[in-house]
PDB file of N, CA and C in Angstrom:
ATOM      1  N   MET A   1       0.864  -1.338  -0.157  1.00  0.00           N
ATOM      2  CA  MET A   1      -0.371   0.204   0.194  1.00  0.00           C
ATOM      3  C   MET A   1       1.123   1.267  -0.217  1.00  0.00           C
ATOM      4  N   ASN A   2       0.643   2.178  -0.877  1.00  0.00           N
ATOM      5  CA  ASN A   2       1.107   3.595  -0.479  1.00  0.00           C
ATOM      6  C   ASN A   2       0.737   4.437   0.348  1.00  0.00           C
ATOM      7  N   GLU A   3       1.352   5.875   0.230  1.00  0.00           N
ATOM      8  CA  GLU A   3       0.877   6.478   1.507  1.00  0.00           C
ATOM      9  C   GLU A   3      -0.533   7.094   1.150  1.00  0.00           C
ATOM     10  N   PHE A   4      -1.012   7.464  -0.199  1.00  0.00           N
ATOM     11  CA  PHE A   4      -2.244   7.581  -0.245  1.00  0.00           C
ATOM     12  C   PHE A   4      -3.713   6.599  -0.340  1.00  0.00           C
ATOM     13  N   ASP A   5      -2.759   5.062  -0.437  1.00  0.00           N
ATOM     14  CA  ASP A   5      -3.603   3.896   0.243  1.00  0.00           C
ATOM     15  C   ASP A   5      -4.248   3.742   2.406  1.00  0.00           C
ATOM     16  N   VAL A   6      -2.993   3.926   2.929  1.00  0.00           N
ATOM     17  CA  VAL A   6      -3.101   3.803   3.718  1.00  0.00           C
ATOM     18  C   VAL A   6      -3.678   5.350   4.435  1.00  0.00           C
ATOM     19  N   LEU A   7      -3.695   6.135   3.909  1.00  0.00           N
ATOM     20  CA  LEU A   7      -4.693   7.660   4.292  1.00  0.00           C
ATOM     21  C   LEU A   7      -5.945   7.291   4.293  1.00  0.00           C
ATOM     22  N   ALA A   8      -6.063   6.642   2.818  1.00  0.00           N
ATOM     23  CA  ALA A   8      -8.088   6.413   3.163  1.00  0.00           C
ATOM     24  C   ALA A   8      -8.170   5.279   3.222  1.00  0.00           C
ATOM     25  N   TYR A   9      -7.174   3.917   3.611  1.00  0.00           N
ATOM     26  CA  TYR A   9      -8.164   3.425   4.306  1.00  0.00           C
ATOM     27  C   TYR A   9      -8.430   3.904   6.339  1.00  0.00           C
ATOM     28  N   VAL A  10      -6.984   4.621   6.657  1.00  0.00           N
ATOM     29  CA  VAL A  10      -7.741   5.632   7.915  1.00  0.00           C
ATOM     30  C   VAL A  10      -8.795   5.961   7.639  1.00  0.00           C
ATOM     31  N   LYS A  11      -8.997   7.292   7.077  1.00  0.00           N
ATOM     32  CA  LYS A  11     -10.052   7.739   7.041  1.00  0.00           C
ATOM     33  C   LYS A  11     -11.670   6.821   6.847  1.00  0.00           C
ATOM     34  N   ALA A  12     -11.836   5.918   5.839  1.00  0.00           N
ATOM     35  CA  ALA A  12     -12.734   4.817   6.283  1.00  0.00           C
ATOM     36  C   ALA A  12     -13.136   4.599   7.219  1.00  0.00           C
ATOM     37  N   SER A  13     -11.811   3.579   7.520  1.00  0.00           N
ATOM     38  CA  SER A  13     -11.963   3.215   9.089  1.00  0.00           C
ATOM     39  C   SER A  13     -12.910   4.396   9.924  1.00  0.00           C
ATOM     40  N   ALA A  14     -12.048   5.294   9.968  1.00  0.00           N
ATOM     41  CA  ALA A  14     -12.425   6.312  11.202  1.00  0.00           C
ATOM     42  C   ALA A  14     -14.504   6.314  10.960  1.00  0.00           C
ATOM     43  N   THR A  15     -14.220   6.283  10.091  1.00  0.00           N
ATOM     44  CA  THR A  15     -15.703   6.750   9.473  1.00  0.00           C
ATOM     45  C   THR A  15     -16.398   5.311   9.596  1.00  0.00           C
ATOM     46  N   ALA A  16     -16.426   3.908   9.780  1.00  0.00           N
ATOM     47  CA  ALA A  16     -16.995   3.782   9.583  1.00  0.00           C
ATOM     48  C   ALA A  16     -17.491   3.299  11.625  1.00  0.00           C
ATOM     49  N   GLN A  17     -16.048   3.251  12.094  1.00  0.00           N
ATOM     50  CA  GLN A  17     -16.282   3.709  14.018  1.00  0.00           C
ATOM     51  C   GLN A  17     -17.122   4.605  14.132  1.00  0.00           C
ATOM     52  N   GLY A  18     -17.095   5.332  13.627  1.00  0.00           N
ATOM     53  CA  GLY A  18     -17.876   6.840  13.860  1.00  0.00           C
ATOM     54  C   GLY A  18     -16.838   7.813  14.513  1.00  0.00           C
ATOM     55  N   LEU A  19     -15.724   7.553  14.544  1.00  0.00           N
ATOM     56  CA  LEU A  19     -14.382   8.617  14.533  1.00  0.00           C
ATOM     57  C   LEU A  19     -14.246  10.205  13.712  1.00  0.00           C
ATOM     58  N   VAL A  20     -14.158  11.109  14.764  1.00  0.00           N
ATOM     59  CA  VAL A  20     -13.705  12.012  14.075  1.00  0.00           C
ATOM     60  C   VAL A  20     -12.813  12.466  13.597  1.00  0.00           C
ATOM     61  N   LEU A  21     -11.669  12.210  12.812  1.00  0.00           N
ATOM     62  CA  LEU A  21     -10.591  12.755  12.320  1.00  0.00           C
ATOM     63  C   LEU A  21     -10.272  14.000  11.559  1.00  0.00           C
ATOM     64  N   ASP A  22      -9.790  15.006  11.987  1.00  0.00           N
ATOM     65  CA  ASP A  22      -9.672  16.035  11.195  1.00  0.00           C
ATOM     66  C   ASP A  22      -7.944  14.936   9.947  1.00  0.00           C
ATOM     67  N   ASP A  23      -7.903  16.247   9.611  1.00  0.00           N
ATOM     68  CA  ASP A  23      -7.072  15.886   7.948  1.00  0.00           C
ATOM     69  C   ASP A  23      -5.918  15.759   8.654  1.00  0.00           C
ATOM     70  N   ALA A  24      -5.568  15.991   9.773  1.00  0.00           N
ATOM     71  CA  ALA A  24      -3.709  16.407  10.436  1.00  0.00           C
ATOM     72  C   ALA A  24      -3.833  15.380  11.189  1.00  0.00           C
ATOM     73  N   ARG A  25      -4.858  14.448  12.635  1.00  0.00           N
ATOM     74  CA  ARG A  25      -4.917  13.491  13.062  1.00  0.00           C
ATOM     75  C   ARG A  25      -4.494  12.313  12.425  1.00  0.00           C
ATOM     76  N   ALA A  26      -5.362  12.196  10.685  1.00  0.00           N
ATOM     77  CA  ALA A  26      -5.680  11.378   9.915  1.00  0.00           C
ATOM     78  C   ALA A  26      -4.607  11.215   9.359  1.00  0.00           C
ATOM     79  N   GLN A  27      -3.703  12.327   8.927  1.00  0.00           N
ATOM     80  CA  GLN A  27      -2.457  12.000   8.696  1.00  0.00           C
ATOM     81  C   GLN A  27      -1.476  11.377   9.803  1.00  0.00           C
ATOM     82  N   ARG A  28      -1.441  11.753  10.718  1.00  0.00           N
ATOM     83  CA  ARG A  28      -0.629  10.932  12.052  1.00  0.00           C
ATOM     84  C   ARG A  28      -1.235   9.998  11.923  1.00  0.00           C
ATOM     85  N   VAL A  29      -1.637   9.229  12.109  1.00  0.00           N
ATOM     86  CA  VAL A  29      -2.709   7.545  12.576  1.00  0.00           C
ATOM     87  C   VAL A  29      -1.733   6.854  11.624  1.00  0.00           C
ATOM     88  N   ALA A  30      -2.214   7.657  10.221  1.00  0.00           N
ATOM     89  CA  ALA A  30      -1.860   6.587   8.714  1.00  0.00           C
ATOM     90  C   ALA A  30      -0.316   6.434   9.028  1.00  0.00           C
ATOM     91  N   THR A  31       0.640   7.902   9.226  1.00  0.00           N
ATOM     92  CA  THR A  31       1.828   7.778   9.167  1.00  0.00           C
ATOM     93  C   THR A  31       2.379   6.517  10.067  1.00  0.00           C
ATOM     94  N   HIS A  32       1.779   6.074  11.405  1.00  0.00           N
ATOM     95  CA  HIS A  32       1.934   5.338  12.294  1.00  0.00           C
ATOM     96  C   HIS A  32       1.146   4.021  12.062  1.00  0.00           C
ATOM     97  N   LEU A  33       0.385   4.219  11.483  1.00  0.00           N
ATOM     98  CA  LEU A  33       0.145   3.095  10.203  1.00  0.00           C
ATOM     99  C   LEU A  33       1.288   2.087   9.746  1.00  0.00           C
ATOM    100  N   ALA A  34       1.368   3.410   8.458  1.00  0.00           N
ATOM    101  CA  ALA A  34       2.548   1.961   7.520  1.00  0.00           C
ATOM    102  C   ALA A  34       3.793   2.700   8.583  1.00  0.00           C
ATOM    103  N   ARG A  35       4.167   2.592   9.454  1.00  0.00           N
ATOM    104  CA  ARG A  35       5.583   2.293   9.825  1.00  0.00           C
ATOM    105  C   ARG A  35       5.315   0.704  10.556  1.00  0.00           C
ATOM    106  N   THR A  36       4.621   0.632  11.474  1.00  0.00           N
ATOM    107  CA  THR A  36       3.790  -0.483  12.272  1.00  0.00           C
ATOM    108  C   THR A  36       3.863  -1.386  11.133  1.00  0.00           C
ATOM    109  N   ALA A  37       2.865  -0.992  10.075  1.00  0.00           N
ATOM    110  CA  ALA A  37       2.966  -2.059   8.639  1.00  0.00           C
ATOM    111  C   ALA A  37       4.096  -2.270   8.387  1.00  0.00           C
ATOM    112  N   ASN A  38       4.893  -1.794   8.271  1.00  0.00           N
ATOM    113  CA  ASN A  38       7.251  -1.817   7.814  1.00  0.00           C
ATOM    114  C   ASN A  38       7.334  -2.766   9.018  1.00  0.00           C
ATOM    115  N   LEU A  39       7.280  -2.257  10.289  1.00  0.00           N
ATOM    116  CA  LEU A  39       7.781  -2.733  11.042  1.00  0.00           C
ATOM    117  C   LEU A  39       7.360  -4.286  10.454  1.00  0.00           C
ATOM    118  N   ALA A  40       6.330  -4.916  11.176  1.00  0.00           N
ATOM    119  CA  ALA A  40       5.575  -6.085  10.844  1.00  0.00           C
ATOM    120  C   ALA A  40       5.848  -7.058   9.808  1.00  0.00           C
ATOM    121  N   GLN A  41       6.034  -6.164   8.674  1.00  0.00           N
ATOM    122  CA  GLN A  41       6.671  -7.249   7.608  1.00  0.00           C
ATOM    123  C   GLN A  41       7.756  -7.439   7.698  1.00  0.00           C
ATOM    124  N   LEU A  42       9.136  -6.810   8.720  1.00  0.00           N
ATOM    125  CA  LEU A  42      10.107  -6.881   8.751  1.00  0.00           C
ATOM    126  C   LEU A  42      10.009  -8.410  10.062  1.00  0.00           C
ATOM    127  N   LEU A  43       9.546  -8.670  10.717  1.00  0.00           N
ATOM    128  CA  LEU A  43       8.686  -9.653  11.238  1.00  0.00           C
ATOM    129  C   LEU A  43       9.148 -11.166  10.514  1.00  0.00           C
ATOM    130  N   GLU A  44       7.669 -11.298   9.269  1.00  0.00           N
ATOM    131  CA  GLU A  44       7.301 -11.357   8.755  1.00  0.00           C
ATOM    132  C   GLU A  44       7.979 -12.260   7.627  1.00  0.00           C
ATOM    133  N   ASP A  45       9.114 -11.426   7.753  1.00  0.00           N
ATOM    134  CA  ASP A  45      10.590 -12.104   6.304  1.00  0.00           C
ATOM    135  C   ASP A  45      10.982 -12.236   6.839  1.00  0.00           C
ATOM    136  N   ALA A  46      11.328 -12.920   8.597  1.00  0.00           N
ATOM    137  CA  ALA A  46      12.520 -13.616   8.828  1.00  0.00           C
ATOM    138  C   ALA A  46      12.306 -14.631   8.575  1.00  0.00           C
ATOM    139  N   PRO A  47      13.441 -15.519   8.199  1.00  0.00           N
ATOM    140  CA  PRO A  47      13.225 -17.342   7.314  1.00  0.00           C
ATOM    141  C   PRO A  47      13.188 -17.798   9.435  1.00  0.00           C
ATOM    142  N   LEU A  48      11.828 -17.896   9.982  1.00  0.00           N
ATOM    143  CA  LEU A  48      12.079 -19.034  11.191  1.00  0.00           C
ATOM    144  C   LEU A  48      11.190 -20.084  10.913  1.00  0.00           C
ATOM    145  N   GLY A  49      11.441 -21.477  11.267  1.00  0.00           N
ATOM    146  CA  GLY A  49      11.353 -22.379  11.335  1.00  0.00           C
ATOM    147  C   GLY A  49      10.961 -22.678  12.780  1.00  0.00           C
ATOM    148  N   VAL A  50       9.603 -23.734  12.245  1.00  0.00           N
ATOM    149  CA  VAL A  50       8.766 -24.215  13.649  1.00  0.00           C
ATOM    150  C   VAL A  50       9.060 -24.405  14.791  1.00  0.00           C
ATOM    151  N   ALA A  51      10.750 -24.607  14.853  1.00  0.00           N
ATOM    152  CA  ALA A  51      11.904 -25.005  16.318  1.00  0.00           C
ATOM    153  C   ALA A  51      12.375 -24.163  16.057  1.00  0.00           C
ATOM    154  N   ASP A  52      12.607 -22.949  16.155  1.00  0.00           N
ATOM    155  CA  ASP A  52      12.899 -21.871  15.933  1.00  0.00           C
ATOM    156  C   ASP A  52      12.685 -21.143  17.682  1.00  0.00           C
ATOM    157  N   GLU A  53      10.907 -21.043  17.959  1.00  0.00           N
ATOM    158  CA  GLU A  53      10.349 -20.369  18.792  1.00  0.00           C
ATOM    159  C   GLU A  53       9.506 -21.641  18.821  1.00  0.00           C
ATOM    160  N   PRO A  54       9.938 -22.642  19.867  1.00  0.00           N
ATOM    161  CA  PRO A  54       8.636 -22.507  19.546  1.00  0.00           C
ATOM    162  C   PRO A  54       6.907 -22.534  21.136  1.00  0.00           C
ATOM    163  N   ALA A  55       6.464 -22.778  20.549  1.00  0.00           N
ATOM    164  CA  ALA A  55       4.845 -22.507  21.780  1.00  0.00           C
ATOM    165  C   ALA A  55       4.708 -22.593  22.970  1.00  0.00           C
ATOM    166  N   GLU A  56       4.800 -21.687  24.235  1.00  0.00           N
ATOM    167  CA  GLU A  56       4.456 -22.495  25.432  1.00  0.00           C
ATOM    168  C   GLU A  56       3.467 -23.129  25.229  1.00  0.00           C
ATOM    169  N   ILE A  57       3.582 -23.714  26.458  1.00  0.00           N
ATOM    170  CA  ILE A  57       2.063 -24.563  27.172  1.00  0.00           C
ATOM    171  C   ILE A  57       1.512 -24.039  28.335  1.00  0.00           C
ATOM    172  N   TYR A  58       0.838 -23.562  28.121  1.00  0.00           N
ATOM    173  CA  TYR A  58      -0.128 -23.292  29.502  1.00  0.00           C
ATOM    174  C   TYR A  58       0.114 -24.043  30.720  1.00  0.00           C
ATOM    175  N   LYS A  59      -0.275 -23.723  31.805  1.00  0.00           N
ATOM    176  CA  LYS A  59       0.119 -25.112  32.569  1.00  0.00           C
ATOM    177  C   LYS A  59      -0.478 -24.480  33.849  1.00  0.00           C
ATOM    178  N   PRO A  60      -1.190 -23.957  34.224  1.00  0.00           N
ATOM    179  CA  PRO A  60      -2.221 -23.163  35.590  1.00  0.00           C
ATOM    180  C   PRO A  60      -1.614 -24.073  36.571  1.00  0.00           C
ATOM    181  N   ILE A  61      -1.634 -23.339  38.160  1.00  0.00           N
ATOM    182  CA  ILE A  61      -1.462 -24.068  39.080  1.00  0.00           C
ATOM    183  C   ILE A  61      -2.017 -23.914  39.779  1.00  0.00           C
ATOM    184  N   ALA A  62      -2.649 -25.400  40.385  1.00  0.00           N
ATOM    185  CA  ALA A  62      -3.615 -25.206  41.013  1.00  0.00           C
ATOM    186  C   ALA A  62      -3.982 -24.686  42.358  1.00  0.00           C
ATOM    187  N   PHE A  63      -5.368 -24.123  42.716  1.00  0.00           N
ATOM    188  CA  PHE A  63      -5.565 -23.402  43.469  1.00  0.00           C
ATOM    189  C   PHE A  63      -5.284 -23.852  44.363  1.00  0.00           C
ATOM    190  N   GLN A  64      -4.338 -23.166  45.096  1.00  0.00           N
ATOM    191  CA  GLN A  64      -4.170 -23.141  46.922  1.00  0.00           C
ATOM    192  C   GLN A  64      -4.994 -22.734  47.738  1.00  0.00           C
ATOM    193  N   PRO A  65      -6.774 -22.669  48.864  1.00  0.00           N
ATOM    194  CA  PRO A  65      -6.776 -22.016  49.564  1.00  0.00           C
ATOM    195  C   PRO A  65      -6.217 -21.031  50.393  1.00  0.00           C
ATOM    196  N   LEU A  66      -5.889 -20.570  51.093  1.00  0.00           N
ATOM    197  CA  LEU A  66      -5.777 -19.449  52.101  1.00  0.00           C
ATOM    198  C   LEU A  66      -5.948 -19.965  53.363  1.00  0.00           C
ATOM    199  N   SER A  67      -4.780 -20.526  53.793  1.00  0.00           N
ATOM    200  CA  SER A  67      -5.041 -21.220  55.559  1.00  0.00           C
ATOM    201  C   SER A  67      -5.778 -20.509  56.277  1.00  0.00           C
ATOM    202  N   ASN A  68      -5.255 -18.796  56.458  1.00  0.00           N
ATOM    203  CA  ASN A  68      -6.102 -18.197  57.143  1.00  0.00           C
ATOM    204  C   ASN A  68      -7.202 -17.371  56.874  1.00  0.00           C
ATOM    205  N   LYS A  69      -7.919 -18.071  56.316  1.00  0.00           N
ATOM    206  CA  LYS A  69      -9.690 -17.493  55.875  1.00  0.00           C
ATOM    207  C   LYS A  69      -9.797 -17.365  57.464  1.00  0.00           C
ATOM    208  N   ARG A  70     -10.580 -16.648  57.683  1.00  0.00           N
ATOM    209  CA  ARG A  70     -11.999 -17.111  58.846  1.00  0.00           C
ATOM    210  C   ARG A  70     -13.423 -17.891  58.529  1.00  0.00           C
ATOM    211  N   GLU A  71     -13.517 -18.936  59.104  1.00  0.00           N
ATOM    212  CA  GLU A  71     -14.533 -19.570  59.003  1.00  0.00           C
ATOM    213  C   GLU A  71     -15.651 -18.944  59.109  1.00  0.00           C
ATOM    214  N   LEU A  72     -17.280 -19.511  58.762  1.00  0.00           N
ATOM    215  CA  LEU A  72     -18.427 -18.442  58.743  1.00  0.00           C
ATOM    216  C   LEU A  72     -18.815 -19.351  59.529  1.00  0.00           C
ATOM    217  N   PRO A  73     -19.744 -18.918  60.269  1.00  0.00           N
ATOM    218  CA  PRO A  73     -20.475 -19.804  61.539  1.00  0.00           C
ATOM    219  C   PRO A  73     -21.457 -20.641  61.252  1.00  0.00           C
TER     220      PRO A  73
END
């Protein structure tokens, strides 16, 4: 996407969400979005295999009740 496409996307997205952006703010948002997209593209282009960054397995610790709770009558 070129800078005009990004600006058009920002304006259309703002309108769809009911946000009012003046031209200067829309341009700042578009600049930031383009910069973020470029950074994301750098990560996407990095040659990583499945074993390079294995996913963590979430294992919650069992709930341990507090021993100093007051008992209700």
